[in-house]
N, C-alpha and C. Protein backbone atom coordinates (compact mmCIF):
# COMPACT_ATOMS: atom_id res chain seq x y z
N MET A 1 0.78 -1.18 -0.02
CA MET A 1 -0.07 0.00 -0.05
C MET A 1 0.83 1.22 -0.07
N TRP A 2 0.58 2.29 0.71
CA TRP A 2 1.24 3.43 0.78
C TRP A 2 2.33 3.46 1.82
N ASN A 3 3.53 3.86 1.30
CA ASN A 3 4.63 3.85 2.18
C ASN A 3 4.61 5.22 2.91
N ARG A 4 4.38 5.21 4.22
CA ARG A 4 4.17 6.50 4.94
C ARG A 4 5.38 6.74 5.84
N THR A 5 6.57 6.64 5.26
CA THR A 5 7.79 6.92 6.06
C THR A 5 7.86 8.44 6.16
N PRO A 6 8.73 8.96 6.96
CA PRO A 6 8.82 10.46 7.02
C PRO A 6 9.42 10.99 5.80
N GLU A 7 10.22 10.19 5.04
CA GLU A 7 11.00 10.69 3.91
C GLU A 7 9.83 10.81 2.70
N PHE A 8 8.74 9.80 2.82
CA PHE A 8 7.70 9.95 1.71
C PHE A 8 6.87 11.20 2.09
N ARG A 9 6.60 11.29 3.34
CA ARG A 9 5.62 12.60 3.54
C ARG A 9 6.42 13.76 3.25
N LYS A 10 7.57 13.79 3.49
CA LYS A 10 8.32 15.06 3.17
C LYS A 10 8.52 15.29 1.71
N GLY A 11 8.75 14.19 0.80
CA GLY A 11 8.61 14.29 -0.66
C GLY A 11 7.18 14.87 -1.06
N LEU A 12 6.16 14.20 -0.41
CA LEU A 12 4.84 14.53 -0.81
C LEU A 12 4.51 16.11 -0.53
N ARG A 13 5.05 16.52 0.57
CA ARG A 13 4.85 17.98 0.93
C ARG A 13 5.60 18.85 -0.21
N LEU A 14 6.75 18.36 -0.58
CA LEU A 14 7.47 19.16 -1.51
C LEU A 14 6.89 19.10 -2.94
N ILE A 15 6.31 18.06 -3.28
CA ILE A 15 5.56 17.90 -4.65
C ILE A 15 4.30 18.81 -4.55
N TRP A 16 3.56 18.83 -3.46
CA TRP A 16 2.34 19.69 -3.33
C TRP A 16 2.71 21.21 -3.20
N GLY A 17 3.73 21.52 -2.67
CA GLY A 17 4.24 22.78 -2.56
C GLY A 17 4.90 23.39 -3.73
N LEU A 18 5.17 22.56 -4.76
CA LEU A 18 5.88 23.24 -5.92
C LEU A 18 4.78 23.99 -6.82
N PRO A 19 3.55 23.58 -7.06
CA PRO A 19 2.75 24.54 -7.75
C PRO A 19 2.53 25.84 -7.03
N ILE A 20 2.56 25.76 -5.79
CA ILE A 20 2.24 27.11 -4.98
C ILE A 20 3.46 27.92 -5.12
N LEU A 21 4.67 27.31 -5.09
CA LEU A 21 5.89 28.23 -5.39
C LEU A 21 5.92 28.65 -6.71
N ILE A 22 5.66 27.99 -7.75
CA ILE A 22 5.63 28.47 -9.07
C ILE A 22 4.56 29.78 -9.21
N LEU A 23 3.40 29.49 -8.59
CA LEU A 23 2.45 30.53 -8.64
C LEU A 23 3.05 31.87 -7.97
N ALA A 24 3.66 31.65 -6.87
CA ALA A 24 4.21 32.69 -6.02
C ALA A 24 5.19 33.36 -6.90
N VAL A 25 6.00 32.71 -7.61
CA VAL A 25 6.99 33.36 -8.40
C VAL A 25 6.46 33.96 -9.71
N LEU A 26 5.46 33.44 -10.52
CA LEU A 26 5.02 33.89 -11.73
C LEU A 26 3.85 34.96 -11.53
N LEU A 27 3.02 34.83 -10.55
CA LEU A 27 1.97 35.85 -10.32
C LEU A 27 2.28 37.33 -10.35
N PRO A 28 3.41 37.61 -9.70
CA PRO A 28 3.72 39.03 -9.73
C PRO A 28 4.25 39.44 -11.04
N THR A 29 4.75 38.70 -11.88
CA THR A 29 5.27 39.25 -13.16
C THR A 29 3.98 39.35 -13.90
N GLY A 30 3.05 38.60 -13.95
CA GLY A 30 1.79 38.65 -14.71
C GLY A 30 1.09 39.95 -14.35
N CYS A 31 1.14 40.47 -13.20
CA CYS A 31 0.38 41.66 -12.83
C CYS A 31 0.96 43.03 -13.15
N ARG A 32 2.23 42.93 -13.71
CA ARG A 32 2.97 44.17 -14.09
C ARG A 32 2.25 44.79 -15.19
N GLU A 33 2.12 46.11 -15.37
CA GLU A 33 1.70 46.74 -16.58
C GLU A 33 2.63 46.96 -17.42
N GLU A 34 2.26 46.50 -18.84
CA GLU A 34 3.17 46.60 -19.87
C GLU A 34 3.48 48.18 -20.18
N ALA A 35 4.70 48.42 -20.50
CA ALA A 35 4.94 49.77 -20.94
C ALA A 35 4.17 50.12 -22.35
N GLU A 36 3.71 51.33 -22.26
CA GLU A 36 2.96 51.69 -23.59
C GLU A 36 3.74 51.98 -24.61
N LEU A 37 3.57 51.55 -25.84
CA LEU A 37 4.45 51.82 -27.06
C LEU A 37 4.10 53.17 -27.61
N PRO A 38 4.93 53.92 -28.04
CA PRO A 38 4.47 55.41 -28.46
C PRO A 38 3.94 55.28 -29.68
N LEU A 39 2.95 56.21 -29.90
CA LEU A 39 2.14 56.44 -31.17
C LEU A 39 2.51 57.84 -31.56
N PRO A 40 2.43 58.17 -32.90
CA PRO A 40 2.67 59.47 -33.45
C PRO A 40 1.43 60.34 -33.17
N THR A 41 1.68 61.62 -32.99
CA THR A 41 0.61 62.55 -32.98
C THR A 41 0.17 62.95 -34.23
N VAL A 42 -0.88 63.70 -34.39
CA VAL A 42 -1.38 64.24 -35.69
C VAL A 42 -0.37 65.05 -36.28
N HIS A 43 0.20 65.96 -35.39
CA HIS A 43 1.24 66.77 -35.98
C HIS A 43 2.49 66.00 -36.45
N ASP A 44 2.95 65.01 -35.71
CA ASP A 44 3.97 64.04 -36.15
C ASP A 44 3.70 63.55 -37.60
N LEU A 45 2.44 63.09 -37.76
CA LEU A 45 1.97 62.46 -39.11
C LEU A 45 2.06 63.62 -40.14
N GLU A 46 1.38 64.70 -39.99
CA GLU A 46 1.46 65.81 -40.96
C GLU A 46 2.75 66.25 -41.33
N ALA A 47 3.77 66.26 -40.32
CA ALA A 47 5.04 66.73 -40.61
C ALA A 47 5.96 65.75 -41.37
N ALA A 48 5.48 64.41 -41.16
CA ALA A 48 6.32 63.20 -41.76
C ALA A 48 6.16 63.25 -43.38
N TYR A 49 5.07 63.63 -43.86
CA TYR A 49 4.72 63.48 -45.32
C TYR A 49 4.83 64.78 -45.94
N LEU A 50 5.73 64.77 -46.99
CA LEU A 50 5.87 66.07 -47.97
C LEU A 50 4.91 65.78 -49.10
N TYR A 51 3.95 66.52 -49.04
CA TYR A 51 2.80 66.41 -50.29
C TYR A 51 2.47 67.89 -50.66
N GLU A 52 2.52 68.02 -51.99
CA GLU A 52 2.25 69.41 -52.45
C GLU A 52 0.83 69.81 -52.25
N GLY A 53 -0.08 68.86 -52.23
CA GLY A 53 -1.56 69.29 -52.06
C GLY A 53 -2.00 69.32 -50.75
N THR A 54 -3.31 69.17 -50.52
CA THR A 54 -3.84 69.15 -49.19
C THR A 54 -3.76 67.77 -48.50
N LEU A 55 -3.16 67.70 -47.29
CA LEU A 55 -2.97 66.53 -46.70
C LEU A 55 -3.50 66.85 -45.14
N SER A 56 -4.17 65.77 -44.58
CA SER A 56 -4.62 65.84 -43.28
C SER A 56 -4.35 64.43 -42.70
N ALA A 57 -4.23 64.45 -41.33
CA ALA A 57 -3.87 63.21 -40.60
C ALA A 57 -4.82 63.10 -39.43
N ALA A 58 -4.87 61.80 -38.93
CA ALA A 58 -5.66 61.48 -37.77
C ALA A 58 -5.23 60.14 -37.33
N MET A 59 -5.42 59.88 -36.02
CA MET A 59 -5.07 58.62 -35.51
C MET A 59 -6.41 57.86 -35.09
N SER A 60 -6.66 56.56 -35.47
CA SER A 60 -7.72 55.86 -35.25
C SER A 60 -7.26 54.55 -34.48
N GLY A 61 -7.27 54.75 -33.12
CA GLY A 61 -6.63 53.61 -32.32
C GLY A 61 -5.22 53.75 -32.61
N ASN A 62 -4.61 52.51 -32.98
CA ASN A 62 -3.20 52.63 -33.30
C ASN A 62 -2.74 52.57 -34.71
N VAL A 63 -3.76 53.06 -35.56
CA VAL A 63 -3.65 53.20 -37.01
C VAL A 63 -3.60 54.66 -37.40
N ALA A 64 -2.65 55.14 -38.16
CA ALA A 64 -2.56 56.32 -38.72
C ALA A 64 -3.35 56.46 -39.89
N GLU A 65 -4.12 57.56 -40.01
CA GLU A 65 -4.92 57.75 -41.21
C GLU A 65 -4.44 59.06 -41.98
N ILE A 66 -3.92 58.98 -43.12
CA ILE A 66 -3.46 59.96 -43.95
C ILE A 66 -4.48 60.18 -45.02
N THR A 67 -5.02 61.40 -45.07
CA THR A 67 -5.96 61.76 -46.27
C THR A 67 -5.35 62.88 -47.08
N ILE A 68 -5.42 62.53 -48.42
CA ILE A 68 -4.94 63.45 -49.38
C ILE A 68 -5.95 63.82 -50.50
N VAL A 69 -5.86 65.10 -50.74
CA VAL A 69 -6.78 65.46 -51.95
C VAL A 69 -6.01 65.04 -53.23
N GLN A 70 -6.69 64.35 -54.12
CA GLN A 70 -6.07 63.99 -55.38
C GLN A 70 -6.49 65.04 -56.34
N PRO A 71 -5.55 65.75 -57.15
CA PRO A 71 -6.06 66.58 -58.11
C PRO A 71 -7.07 66.17 -59.14
N GLU A 72 -7.96 66.92 -59.38
CA GLU A 72 -9.02 66.46 -60.39
C GLU A 72 -8.47 66.11 -61.77
N HIS A 73 -7.35 66.91 -62.25
CA HIS A 73 -6.74 66.53 -63.54
C HIS A 73 -6.09 65.23 -63.47
N HIS A 74 -5.58 64.84 -62.31
CA HIS A 74 -5.07 63.46 -62.37
C HIS A 74 -6.06 62.49 -62.53
N LEU A 75 -7.25 62.71 -62.00
CA LEU A 75 -8.35 61.73 -62.15
C LEU A 75 -8.97 61.74 -63.50
N GLU A 76 -9.07 62.85 -64.13
CA GLU A 76 -9.64 62.98 -65.44
C GLU A 76 -8.75 62.59 -66.48
N ARG A 77 -7.40 62.85 -66.42
CA ARG A 77 -6.43 62.51 -67.37
C ARG A 77 -5.91 61.12 -67.21
N GLY A 78 -5.75 60.69 -66.08
CA GLY A 78 -5.07 59.40 -65.68
C GLY A 78 -5.96 58.14 -65.55
N GLY A 79 -7.26 58.43 -65.47
CA GLY A 79 -8.30 57.46 -65.43
C GLY A 79 -8.10 56.55 -64.22
N VAL A 80 -8.30 55.22 -64.51
CA VAL A 80 -8.39 54.25 -63.57
C VAL A 80 -7.07 54.21 -62.86
N THR A 81 -5.98 54.15 -63.54
CA THR A 81 -4.66 54.04 -62.92
C THR A 81 -4.45 55.08 -61.90
N TRP A 82 -4.57 56.44 -62.19
CA TRP A 82 -4.36 57.41 -61.38
C TRP A 82 -5.39 57.41 -60.14
N ALA A 83 -6.55 56.85 -60.40
CA ALA A 83 -7.58 56.62 -59.13
C ALA A 83 -7.01 55.68 -58.21
N LYS A 84 -6.44 54.58 -58.83
CA LYS A 84 -5.87 53.47 -57.96
C LYS A 84 -4.44 53.77 -57.15
N VAL A 85 -3.68 54.54 -57.94
CA VAL A 85 -2.26 54.65 -57.31
C VAL A 85 -2.12 55.56 -56.22
N GLY A 86 -3.10 56.52 -55.92
CA GLY A 86 -2.99 57.52 -54.96
C GLY A 86 -2.57 57.00 -53.54
N PRO A 87 -3.24 56.10 -52.93
CA PRO A 87 -2.82 55.51 -51.60
C PRO A 87 -1.40 55.02 -51.58
N TYR A 88 -0.94 54.34 -52.61
CA TYR A 88 0.28 53.64 -52.79
C TYR A 88 1.42 54.52 -52.81
N ILE A 89 1.23 55.84 -53.30
CA ILE A 89 2.40 56.86 -53.34
C ILE A 89 2.62 57.24 -51.99
N ILE A 90 1.52 57.35 -51.12
CA ILE A 90 1.78 57.57 -49.81
C ILE A 90 2.27 56.44 -48.83
N LEU A 91 1.74 55.41 -48.96
CA LEU A 91 2.08 54.14 -48.18
C LEU A 91 3.37 53.53 -48.50
N LEU A 92 3.70 53.38 -49.57
CA LEU A 92 5.00 52.74 -49.98
C LEU A 92 6.07 53.76 -50.24
N SER A 93 6.36 54.39 -49.01
CA SER A 93 7.37 55.57 -49.04
C SER A 93 8.28 55.51 -47.84
N GLN A 94 9.37 56.29 -47.92
CA GLN A 94 10.26 56.37 -46.81
C GLN A 94 9.68 56.92 -45.66
N GLU A 95 8.64 57.81 -45.90
CA GLU A 95 8.00 58.38 -44.71
C GLU A 95 7.18 57.35 -43.78
N THR A 96 6.61 56.54 -44.51
CA THR A 96 5.87 55.38 -43.86
C THR A 96 6.71 54.53 -43.25
N GLN A 97 7.68 54.14 -43.87
CA GLN A 97 8.78 53.20 -43.07
C GLN A 97 9.47 53.78 -41.98
N GLU A 98 9.64 55.10 -42.04
CA GLU A 98 10.24 55.81 -40.81
C GLU A 98 9.20 55.84 -39.64
N LEU A 99 7.93 56.15 -40.03
CA LEU A 99 6.98 56.09 -38.97
C LEU A 99 6.94 54.66 -38.39
N PHE A 100 6.94 53.65 -38.99
CA PHE A 100 6.91 52.34 -38.40
C PHE A 100 8.12 52.18 -37.54
N ARG A 101 9.31 52.67 -37.87
CA ARG A 101 10.56 52.54 -37.11
C ARG A 101 10.52 53.41 -35.75
N GLU A 102 10.16 54.61 -36.02
CA GLU A 102 10.07 55.55 -34.82
C GLU A 102 9.00 55.21 -33.80
N TYR A 103 7.83 54.57 -34.16
CA TYR A 103 6.68 54.53 -33.44
C TYR A 103 6.33 53.01 -33.24
N PRO A 104 6.86 52.26 -32.45
CA PRO A 104 6.58 50.78 -32.30
C PRO A 104 5.09 50.42 -32.05
N GLY A 105 4.37 51.41 -31.54
CA GLY A 105 3.07 51.14 -31.15
C GLY A 105 2.10 51.16 -32.38
N LEU A 106 2.67 51.81 -33.52
CA LEU A 106 1.89 51.99 -34.75
C LEU A 106 1.67 50.73 -35.49
N ALA A 107 0.34 50.30 -35.52
CA ALA A 107 0.03 48.94 -36.14
C ALA A 107 -0.12 49.00 -37.55
N GLY A 108 -0.47 50.21 -38.10
CA GLY A 108 -0.66 50.36 -39.55
C GLY A 108 -0.81 51.77 -39.94
N VAL A 109 -0.76 51.99 -41.31
CA VAL A 109 -1.04 53.28 -41.96
C VAL A 109 -2.04 53.28 -42.93
N ARG A 110 -3.12 53.87 -42.93
CA ARG A 110 -4.12 53.83 -43.86
C ARG A 110 -4.06 55.18 -44.67
N ALA A 111 -4.01 55.05 -46.02
CA ALA A 111 -4.01 56.29 -46.84
C ALA A 111 -5.31 56.20 -47.63
N ILE A 112 -5.90 57.52 -47.52
CA ILE A 112 -7.16 57.68 -48.26
C ILE A 112 -6.96 58.74 -49.20
N THR A 113 -7.54 58.69 -50.37
CA THR A 113 -7.42 59.91 -51.32
C THR A 113 -8.96 60.19 -51.58
N ILE A 114 -9.14 61.40 -51.67
CA ILE A 114 -10.35 62.04 -52.08
C ILE A 114 -10.31 62.92 -53.21
N SER A 115 -11.36 63.19 -53.86
CA SER A 115 -11.37 64.22 -54.96
C SER A 115 -11.58 65.61 -54.35
N SER A 116 -11.39 66.51 -55.20
CA SER A 116 -11.63 67.95 -54.75
C SER A 116 -12.87 68.25 -54.23
N ASP A 117 -14.04 67.42 -54.61
CA ASP A 117 -15.29 67.66 -54.07
C ASP A 117 -15.54 66.92 -52.76
N GLY A 118 -14.46 66.19 -52.21
CA GLY A 118 -14.65 65.31 -51.05
C GLY A 118 -15.12 63.95 -51.26
N THR A 119 -15.23 63.46 -52.39
CA THR A 119 -15.66 62.10 -52.59
C THR A 119 -14.35 61.22 -52.52
N GLU A 120 -14.57 60.20 -51.72
CA GLU A 120 -13.44 59.09 -51.50
C GLU A 120 -13.24 58.41 -52.85
N VAL A 121 -11.94 58.49 -53.26
CA VAL A 121 -11.48 57.76 -54.45
C VAL A 121 -11.02 56.46 -54.17
N ALA A 122 -10.13 56.41 -53.26
CA ALA A 122 -9.48 55.05 -52.96
C ALA A 122 -8.93 55.07 -51.47
N ARG A 123 -8.76 53.93 -50.90
CA ARG A 123 -8.06 53.72 -49.50
C ARG A 123 -7.32 52.37 -49.63
N ALA A 124 -6.26 52.45 -48.69
CA ALA A 124 -5.51 51.13 -48.60
C ALA A 124 -4.86 51.27 -47.19
N LEU A 125 -4.82 50.13 -46.61
CA LEU A 125 -4.11 49.92 -45.28
C LEU A 125 -2.89 49.10 -45.39
N LEU A 126 -1.93 49.53 -44.92
CA LEU A 126 -0.54 48.84 -44.74
C LEU A 126 -0.31 48.57 -43.44
N LEU A 127 -0.29 47.22 -43.00
CA LEU A 127 -0.04 46.93 -41.66
C LEU A 127 1.48 46.74 -41.36
N ARG A 128 1.89 47.06 -40.25
CA ARG A 128 3.21 47.11 -39.77
C ARG A 128 4.02 45.83 -40.21
N ALA A 129 3.56 44.70 -39.99
CA ALA A 129 4.38 43.55 -40.29
C ALA A 129 4.32 42.92 -41.69
N THR A 130 3.65 43.67 -42.59
CA THR A 130 3.47 43.28 -44.04
C THR A 130 4.85 43.21 -44.71
N LEU A 131 5.62 44.18 -44.61
CA LEU A 131 6.83 44.40 -45.37
C LEU A 131 8.11 44.08 -44.46
N ASN A 132 8.91 43.40 -44.97
CA ASN A 132 10.32 43.19 -44.20
C ASN A 132 11.36 43.96 -44.85
N ASP A 133 12.57 43.97 -44.41
CA ASP A 133 13.60 44.69 -44.98
C ASP A 133 13.70 44.52 -46.61
N ILE A 134 13.60 43.33 -47.05
CA ILE A 134 13.69 43.20 -48.44
C ILE A 134 12.58 43.70 -49.24
N THR A 135 11.39 43.39 -48.72
CA THR A 135 10.05 43.81 -49.56
C THR A 135 9.93 45.42 -49.29
N TRP A 136 10.49 46.01 -48.19
CA TRP A 136 10.53 47.35 -48.22
C TRP A 136 11.47 48.00 -49.28
N ARG A 137 12.60 47.49 -49.46
CA ARG A 137 13.49 48.02 -50.41
C ARG A 137 12.77 48.01 -51.81
N ARG A 138 12.22 46.67 -52.03
CA ARG A 138 11.41 46.68 -53.27
C ARG A 138 10.34 47.83 -53.42
N ALA A 139 9.65 47.79 -52.43
CA ALA A 139 8.44 48.84 -52.48
C ALA A 139 8.95 50.27 -52.72
N LEU A 140 10.05 50.65 -52.07
CA LEU A 140 10.69 51.98 -52.23
C LEU A 140 11.23 52.10 -53.60
N HIS A 141 11.82 51.11 -54.19
CA HIS A 141 12.26 51.14 -55.60
C HIS A 141 11.10 51.34 -56.60
N ILE A 142 10.04 50.58 -56.45
CA ILE A 142 8.98 50.66 -57.31
C ILE A 142 8.23 52.05 -57.16
N SER A 143 8.04 52.42 -55.93
CA SER A 143 7.42 53.67 -55.73
C SER A 143 8.27 54.98 -56.13
N GLY A 144 9.54 54.94 -55.87
CA GLY A 144 10.56 55.89 -56.49
C GLY A 144 10.40 55.99 -57.91
N LEU A 145 10.42 54.97 -58.79
CA LEU A 145 10.23 55.01 -60.17
C LEU A 145 9.00 55.59 -60.56
N ALA A 146 8.01 55.15 -59.94
CA ALA A 146 6.50 55.60 -60.25
C ALA A 146 6.55 57.16 -59.95
N ARG A 147 7.02 57.62 -58.84
CA ARG A 147 6.94 59.11 -58.58
C ARG A 147 7.75 59.82 -59.65
N ARG A 148 8.99 59.43 -59.91
CA ARG A 148 9.89 60.13 -60.80
C ARG A 148 9.40 60.04 -62.31
N ASP A 149 8.98 58.86 -62.72
CA ASP A 149 8.85 58.67 -64.22
C ASP A 149 7.41 58.27 -64.57
N GLY A 150 6.57 58.22 -63.50
CA GLY A 150 5.15 57.55 -63.94
C GLY A 150 4.35 58.50 -64.86
N THR A 151 4.62 59.78 -64.83
CA THR A 151 3.80 60.60 -65.87
C THR A 151 4.19 60.16 -67.28
N GLN A 152 5.46 59.99 -67.66
CA GLN A 152 5.90 59.70 -68.87
C GLN A 152 5.75 58.12 -69.18
N ARG A 153 5.79 57.29 -68.13
CA ARG A 153 5.70 55.93 -68.39
C ARG A 153 4.65 55.29 -67.50
N PRO A 154 3.33 55.40 -67.84
CA PRO A 154 2.22 54.93 -66.91
C PRO A 154 2.36 53.42 -66.49
N ALA A 155 3.09 52.60 -67.14
CA ALA A 155 3.33 51.36 -66.63
C ALA A 155 3.88 51.22 -65.33
N LEU A 156 4.67 52.17 -64.99
CA LEU A 156 5.32 52.19 -63.81
C LEU A 156 4.39 52.42 -62.58
N LEU A 157 3.34 53.35 -63.01
CA LEU A 157 2.20 53.55 -61.80
C LEU A 157 1.45 52.20 -61.80
N GLU A 158 1.17 51.46 -62.90
CA GLU A 158 0.45 50.14 -62.85
C GLU A 158 1.29 49.21 -62.07
N ASP A 159 2.77 49.25 -62.11
CA ASP A 159 3.51 48.32 -61.27
C ASP A 159 3.30 48.62 -59.82
N LEU A 160 3.26 49.96 -59.58
CA LEU A 160 3.01 50.34 -58.11
C LEU A 160 1.65 49.94 -57.61
N VAL A 161 0.73 50.02 -58.47
CA VAL A 161 -0.77 49.51 -58.02
C VAL A 161 -0.79 48.10 -57.71
N ARG A 162 -0.13 47.28 -58.59
CA ARG A 162 -0.09 45.89 -58.34
C ARG A 162 0.71 45.47 -57.05
N TYR A 163 1.91 46.16 -57.06
CA TYR A 163 2.51 45.88 -55.65
C TYR A 163 1.82 46.26 -54.53
N GLY A 164 1.13 47.45 -54.53
CA GLY A 164 0.35 47.87 -53.40
C GLY A 164 -0.91 46.81 -53.20
N GLU A 165 -1.36 46.51 -54.25
CA GLU A 165 -2.66 45.61 -54.07
C GLU A 165 -2.21 44.17 -53.50
N ASP A 166 -1.03 43.89 -53.77
CA ASP A 166 -0.43 42.55 -53.24
C ASP A 166 -0.09 42.77 -51.69
N HIS A 167 0.27 43.80 -51.10
CA HIS A 167 0.63 44.20 -49.83
C HIS A 167 -0.40 45.02 -48.96
N THR A 168 -1.53 45.32 -49.40
CA THR A 168 -2.37 46.05 -48.55
C THR A 168 -3.80 45.60 -48.57
N GLU A 169 -4.58 46.07 -47.66
CA GLU A 169 -6.06 45.81 -47.79
C GLU A 169 -6.69 47.21 -48.36
N TYR A 170 -7.15 47.09 -49.53
CA TYR A 170 -7.59 48.24 -50.37
C TYR A 170 -9.07 48.18 -50.84
N GLU A 171 -9.54 49.39 -50.98
CA GLU A 171 -10.92 49.57 -51.69
C GLU A 171 -10.74 50.72 -52.65
N TYR A 172 -11.61 50.59 -53.67
CA TYR A 172 -11.65 51.69 -54.70
C TYR A 172 -13.03 52.09 -54.87
N ASN A 173 -13.34 53.19 -55.05
CA ASN A 173 -14.76 53.77 -55.37
C ASN A 173 -14.97 53.35 -56.87
N PRO A 174 -16.05 52.59 -57.06
CA PRO A 174 -16.36 52.14 -58.47
C PRO A 174 -16.62 53.32 -59.47
N LYS A 175 -17.04 54.46 -58.89
CA LYS A 175 -17.14 55.62 -59.80
C LYS A 175 -16.08 55.96 -60.56
N TYR A 176 -14.77 55.69 -59.98
CA TYR A 176 -13.59 55.97 -60.55
C TYR A 176 -12.88 54.82 -61.45
N LEU A 177 -13.60 53.70 -61.33
CA LEU A 177 -13.01 52.56 -61.96
C LEU A 177 -13.72 52.33 -63.33
N GLY A 178 -14.68 53.09 -63.81
CA GLY A 178 -15.18 53.06 -65.11
C GLY A 178 -16.34 52.06 -65.15
N SER A 179 -16.70 51.63 -63.95
CA SER A 179 -17.82 50.41 -63.86
C SER A 179 -19.13 51.15 -63.84
């Protein structure tokens, strides 16, 4: 049956006491508040992006929202491509990459383009963990070419749209898609 020697009882007390010891050690560490990760202010966001037109910024939880007014002549002349490319010019930029580096609490950046009459044209959300060092380099390369030469070579804008669609959550206003 049960061996009830003093050594056995001592071992039994040790075994029963082990979970209590573990709880005593782990419980205080679980109660500590985590340090809050910094988020950018609206001013930080507006200062981060260089944009010739109207730009506004807001925070929605831990997601930055950048809204730009896309010139009407871009939408009229450039058609579907220009309607789609707007958010990716903002998102796939060094400015966005720097925001992610400087603010570890920032979960994502959403770019919204609107027309001059206030109608939403397109939006896209880039989440922090979507791009790594290699894919960021590729994104910046594609975006840089599109910014520099996209007017003369619209295929570069289309490349940026494809890359953006592959790496973001996006929506386009059907009014601007010719549908």
